[in-house]
N, C-alpha and C. Protein backbone atom coordinates (compact mmCIF):
# COMPACT_ATOMS: atom_id res chain seq x y z
N MET A 1 -1.60 -54.54 -29.07
CA MET A 1 -1.52 -54.04 -27.70
C MET A 1 -0.52 -52.80 -27.78
N ILE A 2 -0.75 -51.69 -27.06
CA ILE A 2 0.04 -50.55 -26.97
C ILE A 2 0.64 -50.47 -25.54
N ASP A 3 1.91 -50.32 -25.41
CA ASP A 3 2.48 -50.24 -24.08
C ASP A 3 2.43 -48.80 -23.66
N SER A 4 2.66 -48.49 -22.32
CA SER A 4 2.54 -47.10 -21.77
C SER A 4 3.51 -46.18 -22.38
N THR A 5 4.57 -46.44 -23.02
CA THR A 5 5.46 -45.62 -23.64
C THR A 5 5.11 -45.17 -24.95
N THR A 6 4.11 -45.79 -25.57
CA THR A 6 3.74 -45.49 -26.93
C THR A 6 2.83 -44.27 -26.83
N ARG A 7 3.12 -43.29 -27.63
CA ARG A 7 2.45 -41.93 -27.64
C ARG A 7 1.34 -41.90 -28.67
N LYS A 8 1.52 -42.56 -29.80
CA LYS A 8 0.53 -42.43 -30.83
C LYS A 8 -0.03 -43.79 -31.28
N ASN A 9 -1.27 -43.90 -31.49
CA ASN A 9 -1.96 -45.00 -32.13
C ASN A 9 -1.41 -45.13 -33.52
N ARG A 10 -1.01 -46.33 -33.90
CA ARG A 10 -0.58 -46.52 -35.24
C ARG A 10 -1.52 -46.17 -36.32
N ASN A 11 -2.86 -46.30 -36.07
CA ASN A 11 -3.86 -46.14 -37.03
C ASN A 11 -4.37 -44.69 -37.07
N SER A 12 -4.04 -43.85 -36.15
CA SER A 12 -4.58 -42.46 -36.04
C SER A 12 -3.53 -41.51 -35.63
N LYS A 13 -3.84 -40.21 -35.78
CA LYS A 13 -2.91 -39.17 -35.44
C LYS A 13 -3.29 -38.65 -33.99
N SER A 14 -4.20 -39.27 -33.21
CA SER A 14 -4.54 -38.75 -31.83
C SER A 14 -3.36 -39.15 -30.91
N ARG A 15 -3.45 -38.48 -29.84
CA ARG A 15 -2.39 -38.59 -28.77
C ARG A 15 -3.00 -39.22 -27.56
N TYR A 16 -2.37 -40.23 -26.94
CA TYR A 16 -2.97 -40.73 -25.73
C TYR A 16 -2.36 -39.95 -24.56
N VAL A 17 -3.17 -39.69 -23.51
CA VAL A 17 -2.69 -39.02 -22.29
C VAL A 17 -2.46 -40.10 -21.29
N THR A 18 -1.21 -40.11 -20.79
CA THR A 18 -0.91 -41.13 -19.81
C THR A 18 -1.19 -40.52 -18.39
N ALA A 19 -1.09 -41.29 -17.42
CA ALA A 19 -1.24 -40.87 -16.02
C ALA A 19 -0.15 -39.94 -15.71
N THR A 20 1.04 -40.01 -16.19
CA THR A 20 2.12 -39.11 -15.97
C THR A 20 1.86 -37.87 -16.47
N ASP A 21 1.24 -37.69 -17.71
CA ASP A 21 0.80 -36.48 -18.34
C ASP A 21 -0.21 -35.68 -17.47
N GLY A 22 -1.20 -36.49 -16.95
CA GLY A 22 -2.17 -35.92 -16.10
C GLY A 22 -1.62 -35.32 -14.79
N VAL A 23 -0.66 -35.97 -14.27
CA VAL A 23 0.01 -35.39 -13.09
C VAL A 23 0.70 -34.12 -13.36
N LYS A 24 1.36 -34.10 -14.53
CA LYS A 24 2.14 -32.86 -15.00
C LYS A 24 1.14 -31.70 -15.13
N VAL A 25 0.02 -31.94 -15.77
CA VAL A 25 -0.96 -30.89 -15.99
C VAL A 25 -1.48 -30.44 -14.64
N ALA A 26 -1.84 -31.41 -13.78
CA ALA A 26 -2.45 -31.00 -12.43
C ALA A 26 -1.39 -30.12 -11.62
N PHE A 27 -0.07 -30.49 -11.67
CA PHE A 27 1.00 -29.82 -10.99
C PHE A 27 1.08 -28.33 -11.55
N LEU A 28 1.21 -28.24 -12.92
CA LEU A 28 1.20 -26.90 -13.48
C LEU A 28 -0.03 -26.03 -13.09
N PHE A 29 -1.24 -26.66 -13.07
CA PHE A 29 -2.44 -26.00 -12.69
C PHE A 29 -2.29 -25.51 -11.21
N LEU A 30 -1.86 -26.26 -10.36
CA LEU A 30 -1.72 -25.85 -8.99
C LEU A 30 -0.70 -24.73 -8.79
N ILE A 31 0.40 -24.75 -9.54
CA ILE A 31 1.36 -23.67 -9.60
C ILE A 31 0.72 -22.37 -9.98
N LEU A 32 -0.07 -22.42 -11.13
CA LEU A 32 -0.74 -21.30 -11.60
C LEU A 32 -1.78 -20.78 -10.58
N ILE A 33 -2.52 -21.56 -9.90
CA ILE A 33 -3.49 -21.17 -8.92
C ILE A 33 -2.73 -20.48 -7.78
N ALA A 34 -1.63 -21.09 -7.31
CA ALA A 34 -0.76 -20.47 -6.21
C ALA A 34 -0.22 -19.11 -6.59
N TRP A 35 0.19 -18.98 -7.83
CA TRP A 35 0.81 -17.75 -8.32
C TRP A 35 -0.37 -16.65 -8.27
N ILE A 36 -1.47 -16.96 -8.84
CA ILE A 36 -2.59 -16.10 -8.92
C ILE A 36 -3.01 -15.64 -7.54
N GLY A 37 -3.07 -16.55 -6.54
CA GLY A 37 -3.39 -16.24 -5.24
C GLY A 37 -2.44 -15.29 -4.47
N LYS A 38 -1.15 -15.43 -4.85
CA LYS A 38 -0.20 -14.54 -4.32
C LYS A 38 -0.11 -13.14 -5.01
N ALA A 39 -0.66 -13.13 -6.19
CA ALA A 39 -0.50 -11.85 -6.99
C ALA A 39 -1.14 -10.72 -6.20
N ASP A 40 -2.24 -10.94 -5.49
CA ASP A 40 -2.84 -9.83 -4.70
C ASP A 40 -1.99 -9.44 -3.64
N SER A 41 -1.21 -10.27 -3.02
CA SER A 41 -0.40 -9.83 -1.86
C SER A 41 0.79 -9.06 -2.39
N PHE A 42 1.17 -9.32 -3.60
CA PHE A 42 2.38 -8.49 -4.15
C PHE A 42 1.89 -7.06 -4.57
N THR A 43 0.75 -6.91 -4.73
CA THR A 43 0.25 -5.55 -5.17
C THR A 43 0.10 -4.58 -3.97
N ALA A 44 -0.31 -5.13 -2.84
CA ALA A 44 -0.39 -4.38 -1.58
C ALA A 44 0.94 -4.13 -1.01
N CYS A 45 1.06 -3.10 -0.20
CA CYS A 45 2.33 -2.76 0.42
C CYS A 45 2.91 -4.01 1.06
N PRO A 46 4.09 -4.53 0.59
CA PRO A 46 4.66 -5.70 1.16
C PRO A 46 5.49 -5.41 2.31
N LEU A 47 5.72 -4.14 2.64
CA LEU A 47 6.62 -3.67 3.76
C LEU A 47 5.74 -3.74 5.08
N SER A 48 6.50 -4.10 6.05
CA SER A 48 5.90 -4.20 7.39
C SER A 48 6.35 -2.95 8.07
N LEU A 49 5.46 -1.93 8.15
CA LEU A 49 5.76 -0.64 8.69
C LEU A 49 5.32 -0.52 10.08
N THR A 50 6.08 0.29 10.86
CA THR A 50 5.84 0.57 12.22
C THR A 50 4.62 1.49 12.26
N THR A 51 3.86 1.29 13.33
CA THR A 51 2.70 2.24 13.45
C THR A 51 2.89 3.10 14.76
N THR A 52 2.20 4.20 14.66
CA THR A 52 2.14 5.13 15.90
C THR A 52 0.82 5.79 15.93
N THR A 53 0.40 6.27 16.99
CA THR A 53 -0.85 7.04 17.10
C THR A 53 -0.59 8.48 17.17
N ILE A 54 -1.26 9.20 16.32
CA ILE A 54 -1.11 10.74 16.24
C ILE A 54 -2.46 11.31 16.72
N SER A 55 -2.49 12.60 16.96
CA SER A 55 -3.65 13.24 17.42
C SER A 55 -3.89 14.59 16.71
N ILE A 56 -5.18 14.85 16.24
CA ILE A 56 -5.51 16.04 15.67
C ILE A 56 -6.79 16.56 16.36
N ASN A 57 -6.69 17.71 16.97
CA ASN A 57 -7.86 18.27 17.67
C ASN A 57 -8.50 17.27 18.54
N GLY A 58 -7.70 16.51 19.30
CA GLY A 58 -8.06 15.51 20.30
C GLY A 58 -8.55 14.16 19.68
N MET A 59 -8.57 14.07 18.33
CA MET A 59 -8.97 12.87 17.65
C MET A 59 -7.72 11.94 17.40
N LYS A 60 -7.86 10.73 17.71
CA LYS A 60 -6.66 9.81 17.49
C LYS A 60 -6.75 9.18 16.18
N LEU A 61 -5.53 8.89 15.62
CA LEU A 61 -5.47 8.26 14.32
C LEU A 61 -4.22 7.30 14.33
N LEU A 62 -4.42 6.01 14.07
CA LEU A 62 -3.33 5.11 14.01
C LEU A 62 -2.77 5.19 12.55
N VAL A 63 -1.42 5.54 12.48
CA VAL A 63 -0.82 5.69 11.15
C VAL A 63 0.41 4.71 10.99
N GLU A 64 0.55 4.36 9.74
CA GLU A 64 1.81 3.61 9.43
C GLU A 64 2.87 4.73 9.13
N TRP A 65 4.06 4.41 9.63
CA TRP A 65 5.17 5.45 9.56
C TRP A 65 6.04 5.09 8.33
N ALA A 66 5.92 5.91 7.33
CA ALA A 66 6.67 5.72 6.11
C ALA A 66 7.79 6.74 6.05
N ASP A 67 9.03 6.31 6.52
CA ASP A 67 10.05 7.26 6.58
C ASP A 67 11.35 6.81 5.75
N THR A 68 11.18 5.82 4.99
CA THR A 68 12.29 5.42 4.09
C THR A 68 11.83 5.65 2.62
N PRO A 69 12.83 5.84 1.71
CA PRO A 69 12.48 5.99 0.32
C PRO A 69 11.49 4.88 -0.24
N LYS A 70 11.80 3.66 0.18
CA LYS A 70 11.06 2.56 -0.31
C LYS A 70 9.61 2.57 0.17
N SER A 71 9.47 2.86 1.49
CA SER A 71 8.10 2.94 2.06
C SER A 71 7.33 4.11 1.58
N ARG A 72 7.99 5.30 1.39
CA ARG A 72 7.36 6.49 0.83
C ARG A 72 6.93 6.26 -0.57
N SER A 73 7.75 5.57 -1.40
CA SER A 73 7.47 5.36 -2.75
C SER A 73 6.24 4.36 -2.92
N ARG A 74 6.19 3.36 -2.01
CA ARG A 74 5.11 2.35 -2.13
C ARG A 74 3.78 2.93 -1.65
N GLY A 75 3.89 3.67 -0.44
CA GLY A 75 2.73 4.31 0.11
C GLY A 75 1.52 3.38 0.23
N LEU A 76 0.38 3.77 -0.08
CA LEU A 76 -0.88 2.98 0.01
C LEU A 76 -1.29 2.34 -1.34
N SER A 77 -0.39 2.41 -2.32
CA SER A 77 -0.70 1.82 -3.64
C SER A 77 -0.88 0.34 -3.46
N GLY A 78 -1.89 -0.18 -4.32
CA GLY A 78 -2.29 -1.53 -4.36
C GLY A 78 -3.28 -1.96 -3.36
N ARG A 79 -3.62 -1.13 -2.39
CA ARG A 79 -4.58 -1.56 -1.34
C ARG A 79 -6.01 -1.24 -1.87
N PHE A 80 -6.99 -2.04 -1.38
CA PHE A 80 -8.28 -1.90 -1.77
C PHE A 80 -9.23 -1.24 -0.64
N SER A 81 -8.66 -1.11 0.59
CA SER A 81 -9.41 -0.52 1.73
C SER A 81 -8.43 0.11 2.72
N LEU A 82 -8.96 0.93 3.53
CA LEU A 82 -8.23 1.49 4.67
C LEU A 82 -9.17 1.67 5.79
N ASP A 83 -8.87 1.09 6.91
CA ASP A 83 -9.78 1.24 8.11
C ASP A 83 -10.05 2.67 8.34
N GLU A 84 -11.20 2.98 9.00
CA GLU A 84 -11.65 4.37 9.09
C GLU A 84 -10.71 5.23 9.88
N ASP A 85 -10.16 4.83 11.03
CA ASP A 85 -9.32 5.65 11.77
C ASP A 85 -7.88 5.25 11.66
N ARG A 86 -7.48 4.95 10.38
CA ARG A 86 -6.09 4.63 10.11
C ARG A 86 -5.58 5.50 8.92
N GLY A 87 -4.33 5.66 8.79
CA GLY A 87 -3.79 6.32 7.75
C GLY A 87 -2.25 6.07 7.52
N MET A 88 -1.55 6.78 6.77
CA MET A 88 -0.20 6.68 6.53
C MET A 88 0.45 8.04 6.60
N LEU A 89 1.52 8.04 7.47
CA LEU A 89 2.29 9.36 7.60
C LEU A 89 3.57 9.23 6.91
N PHE A 90 3.79 10.13 5.87
CA PHE A 90 5.04 10.10 5.10
C PHE A 90 5.98 11.15 5.81
N VAL A 91 7.14 10.69 6.17
CA VAL A 91 8.07 11.50 6.93
C VAL A 91 9.34 11.78 6.19
N TYR A 92 9.65 13.03 6.04
CA TYR A 92 10.90 13.47 5.28
C TYR A 92 11.87 13.98 6.16
N PRO A 93 13.21 13.95 5.87
CA PRO A 93 14.25 14.34 6.84
C PRO A 93 14.31 15.83 6.90
N SER A 94 13.83 16.59 5.93
CA SER A 94 13.89 18.05 5.93
C SER A 94 12.78 18.60 5.08
N PRO A 95 12.43 19.92 5.35
CA PRO A 95 11.36 20.52 4.61
C PRO A 95 11.64 20.51 3.10
N ARG A 96 10.56 20.38 2.29
CA ARG A 96 10.72 20.34 0.87
C ARG A 96 9.28 20.44 0.22
N ASP A 97 9.31 20.79 -0.97
CA ASP A 97 8.03 20.84 -1.84
C ASP A 97 7.70 19.36 -2.04
N LEU A 98 6.53 18.98 -1.63
CA LEU A 98 6.11 17.56 -1.80
C LEU A 98 5.17 17.48 -2.95
N VAL A 99 5.23 16.38 -3.64
CA VAL A 99 4.37 16.10 -4.73
C VAL A 99 3.84 14.75 -4.64
N PHE A 100 2.62 14.44 -4.72
CA PHE A 100 2.09 13.01 -4.63
C PHE A 100 1.18 12.78 -5.82
N TRP A 101 1.02 11.53 -6.18
CA TRP A 101 0.02 11.06 -7.17
C TRP A 101 -0.54 9.77 -6.72
N MET A 102 -1.50 9.24 -7.46
CA MET A 102 -2.32 8.07 -7.09
C MET A 102 -2.13 6.95 -7.98
N LYS A 103 -0.99 6.67 -8.58
CA LYS A 103 -0.68 5.53 -9.36
C LYS A 103 -0.89 4.27 -8.58
N ASN A 104 -1.76 3.37 -9.10
CA ASN A 104 -2.11 2.02 -8.49
C ASN A 104 -2.73 2.21 -7.12
N THR A 105 -3.22 3.34 -6.70
CA THR A 105 -3.93 3.47 -5.46
C THR A 105 -5.43 3.44 -5.66
N LYS A 106 -6.02 2.52 -5.14
CA LYS A 106 -7.47 2.14 -5.41
C LYS A 106 -8.45 2.86 -4.57
N ILE A 107 -7.94 3.43 -3.48
CA ILE A 107 -8.76 4.18 -2.45
C ILE A 107 -8.83 5.64 -2.63
N PRO A 108 -10.04 6.23 -2.53
CA PRO A 108 -10.05 7.70 -2.62
C PRO A 108 -9.51 8.17 -1.32
N LEU A 109 -8.54 9.12 -1.41
CA LEU A 109 -7.88 9.59 -0.19
C LEU A 109 -7.95 11.12 -0.06
N SER A 110 -7.66 11.56 1.11
CA SER A 110 -7.42 12.94 1.41
C SER A 110 -5.93 13.01 1.88
N ILE A 111 -5.24 14.02 1.53
CA ILE A 111 -3.81 14.27 1.97
C ILE A 111 -3.69 15.59 2.65
N ALA A 112 -3.04 15.64 3.85
CA ALA A 112 -2.73 16.91 4.46
C ALA A 112 -1.21 16.95 4.48
N PHE A 113 -0.70 18.12 4.05
CA PHE A 113 0.76 18.43 4.10
C PHE A 113 1.05 19.19 5.34
N LEU A 114 2.09 18.83 6.12
CA LEU A 114 2.34 19.41 7.34
C LEU A 114 3.70 20.02 7.45
N ASP A 115 3.92 21.16 8.19
CA ASP A 115 5.26 21.66 8.39
C ASP A 115 5.93 20.88 9.52
N ALA A 116 7.16 21.26 9.82
CA ALA A 116 7.91 20.59 10.88
C ALA A 116 7.22 20.67 12.25
N SER A 117 6.43 21.69 12.48
CA SER A 117 5.80 21.69 13.82
C SER A 117 4.43 20.92 13.80
N GLY A 118 4.04 20.35 12.76
CA GLY A 118 2.77 19.59 12.61
C GLY A 118 1.63 20.41 12.10
N LYS A 119 1.85 21.66 11.79
CA LYS A 119 0.80 22.59 11.36
C LYS A 119 0.29 22.06 9.92
N ILE A 120 -0.93 21.99 9.72
CA ILE A 120 -1.45 21.62 8.46
C ILE A 120 -1.36 22.76 7.38
N ILE A 121 -0.55 22.67 6.34
CA ILE A 121 -0.36 23.62 5.35
C ILE A 121 -1.56 23.70 4.34
N ASN A 122 -1.86 22.48 3.83
CA ASN A 122 -3.00 22.38 2.95
C ASN A 122 -3.54 20.94 2.95
N ILE A 123 -4.80 20.80 2.62
CA ILE A 123 -5.49 19.51 2.47
C ILE A 123 -6.05 19.32 1.10
N GLU A 124 -5.86 18.22 0.46
CA GLU A 124 -6.28 17.98 -0.87
C GLU A 124 -7.08 16.54 -0.94
N LYS A 125 -8.13 16.56 -1.73
CA LYS A 125 -8.82 15.35 -2.10
C LYS A 125 -8.13 14.67 -3.24
N MET A 126 -7.84 13.41 -3.09
CA MET A 126 -7.15 12.66 -4.17
C MET A 126 -8.09 11.57 -4.79
N GLN A 127 -8.13 11.62 -6.17
CA GLN A 127 -8.86 10.75 -6.91
C GLN A 127 -8.05 9.38 -7.20
N PRO A 128 -8.78 8.26 -6.97
CA PRO A 128 -7.99 6.99 -6.98
C PRO A 128 -7.54 6.55 -8.52
N ASP A 129 -6.45 5.78 -8.49
CA ASP A 129 -5.98 5.03 -9.63
C ASP A 129 -5.81 5.96 -10.93
N GLN A 130 -5.18 7.07 -10.75
CA GLN A 130 -4.83 7.85 -11.90
C GLN A 130 -3.47 8.45 -11.72
N THR A 131 -2.87 8.91 -12.85
CA THR A 131 -1.51 9.49 -12.78
C THR A 131 -1.38 10.94 -13.35
N GLU A 132 -2.50 11.40 -13.91
CA GLU A 132 -2.52 12.73 -14.45
C GLU A 132 -2.37 13.87 -13.48
N ILE A 133 -3.10 13.76 -12.36
CA ILE A 133 -3.19 14.78 -11.42
C ILE A 133 -2.06 14.68 -10.35
N ARG A 134 -1.41 15.83 -10.04
CA ARG A 134 -0.37 15.85 -8.96
C ARG A 134 -0.91 16.62 -7.81
N TYR A 135 -0.62 16.19 -6.59
CA TYR A 135 -1.09 16.83 -5.36
C TYR A 135 0.15 17.44 -4.70
N ARG A 136 0.14 18.72 -4.47
CA ARG A 136 1.39 19.34 -4.12
C ARG A 136 1.10 20.07 -2.71
N SER A 137 2.23 20.21 -1.98
CA SER A 137 2.12 21.04 -0.78
C SER A 137 2.40 22.54 -1.29
N ARG A 138 1.64 23.46 -0.61
CA ARG A 138 1.73 24.89 -1.03
C ARG A 138 3.00 25.52 -0.54
N LYS A 139 3.62 24.91 0.50
CA LYS A 139 4.86 25.40 1.07
C LYS A 139 5.72 24.13 1.29
N PRO A 140 6.96 24.27 1.65
CA PRO A 140 7.79 23.19 1.99
C PRO A 140 7.26 22.46 3.18
N ALA A 141 7.18 21.13 3.13
CA ALA A 141 6.60 20.31 4.21
C ALA A 141 7.60 19.22 4.60
N VAL A 142 7.32 18.70 5.81
CA VAL A 142 8.17 17.63 6.31
C VAL A 142 7.28 16.33 6.46
N TYR A 143 5.90 16.47 6.46
CA TYR A 143 5.08 15.41 6.66
C TYR A 143 3.90 15.46 5.58
N ALA A 144 3.44 14.27 5.13
CA ALA A 144 2.25 14.19 4.35
C ALA A 144 1.39 13.17 5.04
N LEU A 145 0.13 13.39 5.28
CA LEU A 145 -0.69 12.43 5.99
C LEU A 145 -1.83 12.02 5.11
N GLU A 146 -1.94 10.72 4.73
CA GLU A 146 -2.99 10.25 3.84
C GLU A 146 -3.98 9.55 4.71
N VAL A 147 -5.28 9.69 4.55
CA VAL A 147 -6.39 9.12 5.17
C VAL A 147 -7.50 8.86 4.11
N ASN A 148 -8.55 8.22 4.54
CA ASN A 148 -9.76 8.07 3.73
C ASN A 148 -10.25 9.48 3.27
N GLN A 149 -10.79 9.51 2.01
CA GLN A 149 -11.25 10.82 1.66
C GLN A 149 -12.40 11.37 2.48
N ASN A 150 -12.27 12.69 2.71
CA ASN A 150 -13.28 13.32 3.69
C ASN A 150 -13.08 13.18 5.16
N TRP A 151 -12.02 12.38 5.57
CA TRP A 151 -11.84 12.11 6.96
C TRP A 151 -11.62 13.44 7.67
N PHE A 152 -10.80 14.28 7.10
CA PHE A 152 -10.58 15.59 7.76
C PHE A 152 -11.86 16.40 7.84
N ARG A 153 -12.54 16.57 6.67
CA ARG A 153 -13.73 17.36 6.59
C ARG A 153 -14.76 16.90 7.67
N THR A 154 -15.07 15.65 7.63
CA THR A 154 -16.09 15.14 8.58
C THR A 154 -15.78 15.34 10.09
N ARG A 155 -14.52 15.66 10.40
CA ARG A 155 -14.09 15.88 11.76
C ARG A 155 -13.84 17.27 12.06
N GLY A 156 -14.09 18.19 11.08
CA GLY A 156 -13.82 19.64 11.24
C GLY A 156 -12.39 19.98 11.29
N ILE A 157 -11.53 19.12 10.78
CA ILE A 157 -10.12 19.46 10.72
C ILE A 157 -9.80 20.27 9.45
N GLU A 158 -9.07 21.32 9.57
CA GLU A 158 -8.79 22.18 8.45
C GLU A 158 -7.28 22.75 8.55
N GLU A 159 -6.97 23.53 7.50
CA GLU A 159 -5.71 24.13 7.35
C GLU A 159 -5.40 24.95 8.50
N GLY A 160 -4.23 24.88 9.04
CA GLY A 160 -3.88 25.73 10.26
C GLY A 160 -3.91 24.90 11.49
N ASP A 161 -4.72 23.82 11.58
CA ASP A 161 -4.72 22.97 12.72
C ASP A 161 -3.46 22.23 12.88
N ARG A 162 -3.16 21.79 14.13
CA ARG A 162 -1.89 21.17 14.35
C ARG A 162 -2.05 19.63 14.72
N VAL A 163 -1.13 18.86 14.19
CA VAL A 163 -1.18 17.42 14.36
C VAL A 163 -0.10 17.12 15.36
N SER A 164 -0.44 16.43 16.39
CA SER A 164 0.64 16.03 17.50
C SER A 164 1.21 14.68 17.03
N ILE A 165 2.43 14.79 16.75
CA ILE A 165 3.09 13.51 16.22
C ILE A 165 4.18 13.05 17.24
N GLN A 166 4.03 11.81 17.64
CA GLN A 166 4.96 11.12 18.48
C GLN A 166 5.61 10.02 17.57
N PRO A 167 6.92 10.21 17.28
CA PRO A 167 7.54 9.10 16.50
C PRO A 167 7.43 7.79 17.18
N PRO A 168 7.33 6.71 16.46
CA PRO A 168 7.19 5.41 17.05
C PRO A 168 8.43 5.03 17.84
N VAL A 169 8.32 4.32 18.95
CA VAL A 169 9.35 3.74 19.68
C VAL A 169 9.84 2.57 19.00
N LEU A 170 11.10 2.67 18.54
CA LEU A 170 11.77 1.51 17.83
C LEU A 170 12.55 0.69 18.82
N GLN A 171 12.28 -0.59 18.69
CA GLN A 171 13.05 -1.55 19.64
C GLN A 171 14.31 -1.96 18.93
N LYS A 172 15.28 -2.10 19.67
CA LYS A 172 16.68 -2.55 19.15
C LYS A 172 16.61 -3.99 19.01
N GLN A 173 17.16 -4.54 17.88
CA GLN A 173 17.12 -5.96 17.67
C GLN A 173 18.51 -6.60 17.88
C-alpha cells in the first residue's frame, strides 16, 4: 500500500500525481489564462483621456485630448480600431516641429498638423505598425490630429482649412 505522501512507486520510476498537484496545475493554468486575457488591455492606451468635440468645415469629430507627455507618447498605439468620427488631438504647449511615427499602431491613420489658430499646415497618410517612416509638420505646429486614414480626403478637408478647437471643460475634483 502507498500512502498519499509517497511520490514514487518502489518498482518504477513513474511519478504519481496527487489531488494537490492537480489543484496546483489548475491554479497556474488559470493565472496564465487571466494574464493572457489582460495582455490585450495593456497594449491599448491604458490612459483615460478627456474627450471634446472639434469642428472642421462644419463636420464634428469627437477627439481624445492628449496634452501630457505620457498621453502624447502613447497616442493610439496598441489599438486595433478607431470609430469613424473619432480621433486623437495631440496638444503641445507651444509651436514646434512635430515628428510622429507608427510604432505599435495597428490602424492606418491620417494626420493633420495644425498651427496655434487651428489652420491645417499639412496632412499625411500614415502606414500602420512600422518605425522607419517619420511624419513631420512642414512648419512649427501646436496640434496634431490623428483620424482614420482618408477621413480628411473623403470629407474634402485640405491644407489651409481651419479646425475649431474647444478645450475640454475639466471638472475640479
